[in-house]
Protein backbone atom coordinates (compact mmCIF):
# COMPACT_ATOMS: atom_id res chain seq x y z
CA UNK A 1 63.04 -56.22 -8.38
CA UNK A 2 61.52 -52.75 -8.34
CA UNK A 3 58.81 -52.33 -10.89
CA UNK A 4 56.85 -49.25 -11.73
CA UNK A 5 54.50 -48.47 -14.53
CA UNK A 6 52.41 -45.45 -15.50
CA UNK A 7 48.94 -46.88 -15.93
CA UNK A 8 45.68 -45.45 -17.14
CA UNK A 9 42.52 -46.89 -15.62
CA UNK A 10 39.32 -47.00 -17.67
CA UNK A 11 35.83 -47.52 -16.25
CA UNK A 12 33.36 -49.69 -18.17
CA UNK A 13 30.25 -48.04 -19.59
CA UNK A 14 28.41 -51.39 -19.49
CA UNK A 15 29.31 -52.93 -16.12
CA UNK A 16 29.45 -51.12 -12.82
CA UNK A 17 32.70 -51.90 -11.00
CA UNK A 18 34.57 -53.23 -14.07
CA UNK A 19 37.87 -51.49 -14.83
CA UNK A 20 40.66 -51.90 -17.38
CA UNK A 21 44.23 -51.05 -16.41
CA UNK A 22 46.59 -50.36 -19.34
CA UNK A 23 50.04 -48.87 -19.83
CA UNK A 24 49.39 -45.16 -20.42
CA UNK A 25 51.83 -44.92 -23.34
CA UNK A 26 49.97 -47.71 -25.21
CA UNK A 27 46.39 -46.96 -24.26
CA UNK A 28 43.68 -49.42 -25.29
CA UNK A 29 45.36 -50.60 -28.52
CA UNK A 30 46.47 -53.97 -27.04
CA UNK A 31 43.01 -54.79 -25.64
CA UNK A 32 41.22 -57.42 -27.78
CA UNK A 33 38.20 -56.18 -29.77
CA UNK A 34 35.95 -58.85 -28.19
CA UNK A 35 36.78 -57.54 -24.72
CA UNK A 36 36.18 -53.93 -25.74
CA UNK A 37 32.80 -54.94 -27.20
CA UNK A 38 31.77 -56.35 -23.81
CA UNK A 39 33.51 -53.63 -21.79
CA UNK A 40 31.94 -50.78 -23.73
CA UNK A 41 33.49 -47.40 -24.41
CA UNK A 42 36.12 -46.98 -21.71
CA UNK A 43 35.87 -43.80 -19.68
CA UNK A 44 39.20 -42.65 -18.29
CA UNK A 45 38.93 -42.85 -14.51
CA UNK A 46 42.53 -42.02 -13.53
CA UNK A 47 46.19 -42.15 -14.41
CA UNK A 48 48.62 -43.35 -11.75
CA UNK A 49 52.17 -44.45 -11.12
CA UNK A 50 51.86 -48.12 -10.17
CA UNK A 51 54.62 -49.42 -7.91
CA UNK A 52 54.90 -52.51 -5.70
CA UNK A 53 53.95 -50.24 -2.78
CA UNK A 54 50.74 -48.99 -4.43
CA UNK A 55 47.50 -49.77 -2.61
CA UNK A 56 44.75 -51.13 -4.85
CA UNK A 57 41.24 -52.10 -3.78
CA UNK A 58 40.93 -55.56 -5.31
CA UNK A 59 44.31 -56.65 -6.70
CA UNK A 60 47.98 -56.61 -5.88
CA UNK A 61 50.18 -54.16 -7.80
CA UNK A 62 52.44 -57.08 -8.79
CA UNK A 63 49.53 -58.94 -10.41
CA UNK A 64 48.32 -55.85 -12.29
CA UNK A 65 51.85 -55.01 -13.51
CA UNK A 66 52.62 -58.57 -14.65
CA UNK A 67 49.32 -58.91 -16.55
CA UNK A 68 49.81 -55.55 -18.27
CA UNK A 69 53.34 -56.60 -19.31
CA UNK A 70 52.16 -60.05 -20.52
CA UNK A 71 48.77 -59.27 -22.09
CA UNK A 72 48.76 -55.50 -22.50
CA UNK A 73 45.96 -54.98 -19.96
CA UNK A 74 44.55 -56.02 -16.58
CA UNK A 75 40.80 -56.47 -16.28
CA UNK A 76 39.29 -55.87 -12.85
CA UNK A 77 35.92 -57.57 -12.57
CA UNK A 78 33.08 -56.22 -10.42
CA UNK A 79 32.96 -57.73 -6.94
CA UNK A 80 30.72 -60.78 -6.61
CA UNK A 81 27.45 -59.96 -4.96
CA UNK A 82 26.97 -61.77 -1.69
CA UNK A 83 23.78 -63.82 -1.37
CA UNK A 84 22.67 -61.86 1.68
CA UNK A 85 22.94 -58.61 -0.30
CA UNK A 86 20.78 -60.03 -3.06
CA UNK A 87 18.13 -60.82 -0.44
CA UNK A 88 17.77 -57.09 0.25
CA UNK A 89 16.30 -56.63 -3.22
CA UNK A 90 13.79 -59.47 -3.07
CA UNK A 91 10.19 -58.62 -2.35
CA UNK A 92 9.15 -60.29 0.89
CA UNK A 93 6.37 -62.80 0.38
CA UNK A 94 5.20 -62.79 3.99
CA UNK A 95 5.93 -60.78 7.09
CA UNK A 96 8.28 -62.43 9.59
CA UNK A 97 8.02 -61.44 13.27
């Protein structure tokens, strides 16, 4: 079944890498208040035609479309930080040679 949806993507003002996908014609009105409180004021990042052939960074177009149709939105969480990346920010306690 071919599915397409015009979606608007909002970027979180509180969390880097967190995005909300919503149906453009409905906007943020179906997003629960509790989620918006944590998400912050959404900044419009883009509007796009979402089809099954669309390429998304961290989700399948089918998953995004089905969640928007069921819940009114799709929340993309920031990527989990890998342990080795967190080590880059730790202050070394002793030199290792």
